Amino acid sequence: MRFDWKARFSNPSFYIQLTLAVSTPVLAYMGITVQSINSWKFLLDIIKEALSNPYILILTVISVFNAVVDPTTSGFCDKSKIQKEKLSETEKTQLTNGADQDSEQ
C-alpha cells in the first residue's frame, strides 16, 4: 500500500480525522464525554484503560484505517497512481495530436 503521506499531513482536515478516529471509539466504548475529562490524571487513566483493552484497540485501528484510506480510489492506493495513469493518457493524446498535425503539414 502506498499512501501520499506528504499530502495528508499538509491537510489540516487529516489531523481532525485522525484525532476523531482515535478518540471516538475510546470515548464511545467507555461512555465518556469530552466534558467529563477534567484532569490529566483522568485522561491518562482513560489512555491506560484503552491500551489494555483489545476490543478498543481493534476499533481504533479500524477507525484509523478508515481515516487513512482514500475512498475516491479503488483499492488501497492513492490518487497518485491514477494521476500518473491520466498523465500517461494525456501524454499519449498530445503525442497523437502532434503526430496528426505533423502529417497534415
C-alpha atoms as a PDB file:
ATOM      1  CA  MET A   1       0.000   0.000   0.000  1.00  0.00           C
ATOM      2  CA  ARG A   2       1.328   3.374  -0.984  1.00  0.00           C
ATOM      3  CA  PHE A   3      -0.050   6.470   0.664  1.00  0.00           C
ATOM      4  CA  ASP A   4       0.770  10.056  -0.113  1.00  0.00           C
ATOM      5  CA  TRP A   5       1.666  10.960   3.475  1.00  0.00           C
ATOM      6  CA  LYS A   6       3.009  14.375   2.488  1.00  0.00           C
ATOM      7  CA  ALA A   7      -0.376  15.368   1.063  1.00  0.00           C
ATOM      8  CA  ARG A   8      -2.206  14.003   4.100  1.00  0.00           C
ATOM      9  CA  PHE A   9      -0.025  15.746   6.672  1.00  0.00           C
ATOM     10  CA  SER A  10      -0.261  19.032   4.793  1.00  0.00           C
ATOM     11  CA  ASN A  11      -4.055  18.917   5.037  1.00  0.00           C
ATOM     12  CA  PRO A  12      -5.473  20.165   8.381  1.00  0.00           C
ATOM     13  CA  SER A  13      -8.621  18.071   7.991  1.00  0.00           C
ATOM     14  CA  PHE A  14      -6.469  14.922   8.129  1.00  0.00           C
ATOM     15  CA  TYR A  15      -5.416  15.841  11.684  1.00  0.00           C
ATOM     16  CA  ILE A  16      -9.054  16.288  12.667  1.00  0.00           C
ATOM     17  CA  GLN A  17      -9.965  12.938  11.075  1.00  0.00           C
ATOM     18  CA  LEU A  18      -7.095  11.186  12.822  1.00  0.00           C
ATOM     19  CA  THR A  19      -7.931  12.726  16.209  1.00  0.00           C
ATOM     20  CA  LEU A  20     -11.563  11.692  15.883  1.00  0.00           C
ATOM     21  CA  ALA A  21     -10.567   8.239  14.600  1.00  0.00           C
ATOM     22  CA  VAL A  22      -8.578   7.628  17.778  1.00  0.00           C
ATOM     23  CA  SER A  23     -10.754   9.380  20.354  1.00  0.00           C
ATOM     24  CA  THR A  24     -14.278   8.463  19.232  1.00  0.00           C
ATOM     25  CA  PRO A  25     -14.071   4.670  19.699  1.00  0.00           C
ATOM     26  CA  VAL A  26     -12.383   5.095  23.082  1.00  0.00           C
ATOM     27  CA  LEU A  27     -14.848   7.643  24.425  1.00  0.00           C
ATOM     28  CA  ALA A  28     -17.884   5.857  22.978  1.00  0.00           C
ATOM     29  CA  TYR A  29     -16.905   2.467  24.405  1.00  0.00           C
ATOM     30  CA  MET A  30     -16.254   3.918  27.840  1.00  0.00           C
ATOM     31  CA  GLY A  31     -19.337   6.132  27.788  1.00  0.00           C
ATOM     32  CA  ILE A  32     -17.307   9.272  28.446  1.00  0.00           C
ATOM     33  CA  THR A  33     -17.975  12.720  27.054  1.00  0.00           C
ATOM     34  CA  VAL A  34     -15.242  15.236  26.337  1.00  0.00           C
ATOM     35  CA  GLN A  35     -16.654  17.495  29.054  1.00  0.00           C
ATOM     36  CA  SER A  36     -16.088  14.831  31.693  1.00  0.00           C
ATOM     37  CA  ILE A  37     -12.320  14.784  31.055  1.00  0.00           C
ATOM     38  CA  ASN A  38     -11.395  17.413  33.629  1.00  0.00           C
ATOM     39  CA  SER A  39      -7.922  16.362  34.764  1.00  0.00           C
ATOM     40  CA  TRP A  40      -4.713  14.979  33.322  1.00  0.00           C
ATOM     41  CA  LYS A  41      -4.915  12.029  35.691  1.00  0.00           C
ATOM     42  CA  PHE A  42      -8.356  11.097  34.376  1.00  0.00           C
ATOM     43  CA  LEU A  43      -7.115  11.424  30.773  1.00  0.00           C
ATOM     44  CA  LEU A  44      -4.107   9.190  31.495  1.00  0.00           C
ATOM     45  CA  ASP A  45      -6.381   6.636  33.150  1.00  0.00           C
ATOM     46  CA  ILE A  46      -8.554   6.592  30.019  1.00  0.00           C
ATOM     47  CA  ILE A  47      -5.490   6.082  27.805  1.00  0.00           C
ATOM     48  CA  LYS A  48      -4.179   3.266  30.031  1.00  0.00           C
ATOM     49  CA  GLU A  49      -7.547   1.529  30.039  1.00  0.00           C
ATOM     50  CA  ALA A  50      -7.884   1.894  26.262  1.00  0.00           C
ATOM     51  CA  LEU A  51      -4.413   0.450  25.660  1.00  0.00           C
ATOM     52  CA  SER A  52      -5.169  -2.522  27.883  1.00  0.00           C
ATOM     53  CA  ASN A  53      -8.452  -3.367  26.152  1.00  0.00           C
ATOM     54  CA  PRO A  54      -8.025  -5.349  22.897  1.00  0.00           C
ATOM     55  CA  TYR A  55     -11.542  -4.541  21.705  1.00  0.00           C
ATOM     56  CA  ILE A  56     -10.921  -0.784  21.926  1.00  0.00           C
ATOM     57  CA  LEU A  57      -7.566  -1.199  20.183  1.00  0.00           C
ATOM     58  CA  ILE A  58      -9.177  -3.114  17.308  1.00  0.00           C
ATOM     59  CA  LEU A  59     -11.921  -0.498  16.966  1.00  0.00           C
ATOM     60  CA  THR A  60      -9.316   2.270  16.962  1.00  0.00           C
ATOM     61  CA  VAL A  61      -7.144   0.558  14.341  1.00  0.00           C
ATOM     62  CA  ILE A  62     -10.186   0.075  12.088  1.00  0.00           C
ATOM     63  CA  SER A  63     -11.199   3.691  12.596  1.00  0.00           C
ATOM     64  CA  VAL A  64      -7.693   4.982  11.778  1.00  0.00           C
ATOM     65  CA  PHE A  65      -7.569   2.714   8.716  1.00  0.00           C
ATOM     66  CA  ASN A  66     -10.845   4.220   7.506  1.00  0.00           C
ATOM     67  CA  ALA A  67      -9.460   7.722   8.022  1.00  0.00           C
ATOM     68  CA  VAL A  68      -6.246   6.986   6.117  1.00  0.00           C
ATOM     69  CA  VAL A  69      -7.593   5.136   3.066  1.00  0.00           C
ATOM     70  CA  ASP A  70      -8.768   7.373   0.224  1.00  0.00           C
ATOM     71  CA  PRO A  71     -12.343   6.308  -0.607  1.00  0.00           C
ATOM     72  CA  THR A  72     -12.249   8.013  -4.023  1.00  0.00           C
ATOM     73  CA  THR A  73      -9.826   5.436  -5.424  1.00  0.00           C
ATOM     74  CA  SER A  74     -10.236   1.731  -5.938  1.00  0.00           C
ATOM     75  CA  GLY A  75      -8.327  -0.473  -3.558  1.00  0.00           C
ATOM     76  CA  PHE A  76      -5.971   0.989  -1.006  1.00  0.00           C
ATOM     77  CA  CYS A  77      -3.759   3.058  -3.320  1.00  0.00           C
ATOM     78  CA  ASP A  78      -3.735   6.814  -3.508  1.00  0.00           C
ATOM     79  CA  LYS A  79      -4.672   9.022  -6.380  1.00  0.00           C
ATOM     80  CA  SER A  80      -1.045   9.408  -7.427  1.00  0.00           C
ATOM     81  CA  LYS A  81      -1.273   6.110  -9.301  1.00  0.00           C
ATOM     82  CA  ILE A  82      -4.429   7.254 -11.051  1.00  0.00           C
ATOM     83  CA  GLN A  83      -2.925  10.684 -11.728  1.00  0.00           C
ATOM     84  CA  LYS A  84       0.123   9.033 -13.302  1.00  0.00           C
ATOM     85  CA  GLU A  85      -2.153   6.938 -15.495  1.00  0.00           C
ATOM     86  CA  LYS A  86      -4.120  10.020 -16.509  1.00  0.00           C
ATOM     87  CA  LEU A  87      -0.887  11.864 -17.194  1.00  0.00           C
ATOM     88  CA  SER A  88       0.237   8.986 -19.409  1.00  0.00           C
ATOM     89  CA  GLU A  89      -3.080   9.131 -21.286  1.00  0.00           C
ATOM     90  CA  THR A  90      -2.719  12.899 -21.680  1.00  0.00           C
ATOM     91  CA  GLU A  91       0.817  12.488 -22.984  1.00  0.00           C
ATOM     92  CA  LYS A  92      -0.378   9.837 -25.424  1.00  0.00           C
ATOM     93  CA  THR A  93      -3.146  12.144 -26.616  1.00  0.00           C
ATOM     94  CA  GLN A  94      -0.727  15.029 -27.043  1.00  0.00           C
ATOM     95  CA  LEU A  95       1.714  12.827 -28.937  1.00  0.00           C
ATOM     96  CA  THR A  96      -1.096  11.539 -31.146  1.00  0.00           C
ATOM     97  CA  ASN A  97      -2.384  15.067 -31.780  1.00  0.00           C
ATOM     98  CA  GLY A  98       1.140  16.241 -32.528  1.00  0.00           C
ATOM     99  CA  ALA A  99       1.666  13.388 -34.983  1.00  0.00           C
ATOM    100  CA  ASP A 100      -1.656  14.210 -36.676  1.00  0.00           C
ATOM    101  CA  GLN A 101      -0.645  17.855 -37.062  1.00  0.00           C
ATOM    102  CA  ASP A 102       2.772  16.883 -38.458  1.00  0.00           C
ATOM    103  CA  SER A 103       1.176  14.554 -41.035  1.00  0.00           C
ATOM    104  CA  GLU A 104      -1.193  17.333 -42.163  1.00  0.00           C
ATOM    105  CA  GLN A 105       1.710  19.664 -42.930  1.00  0.00           C
END
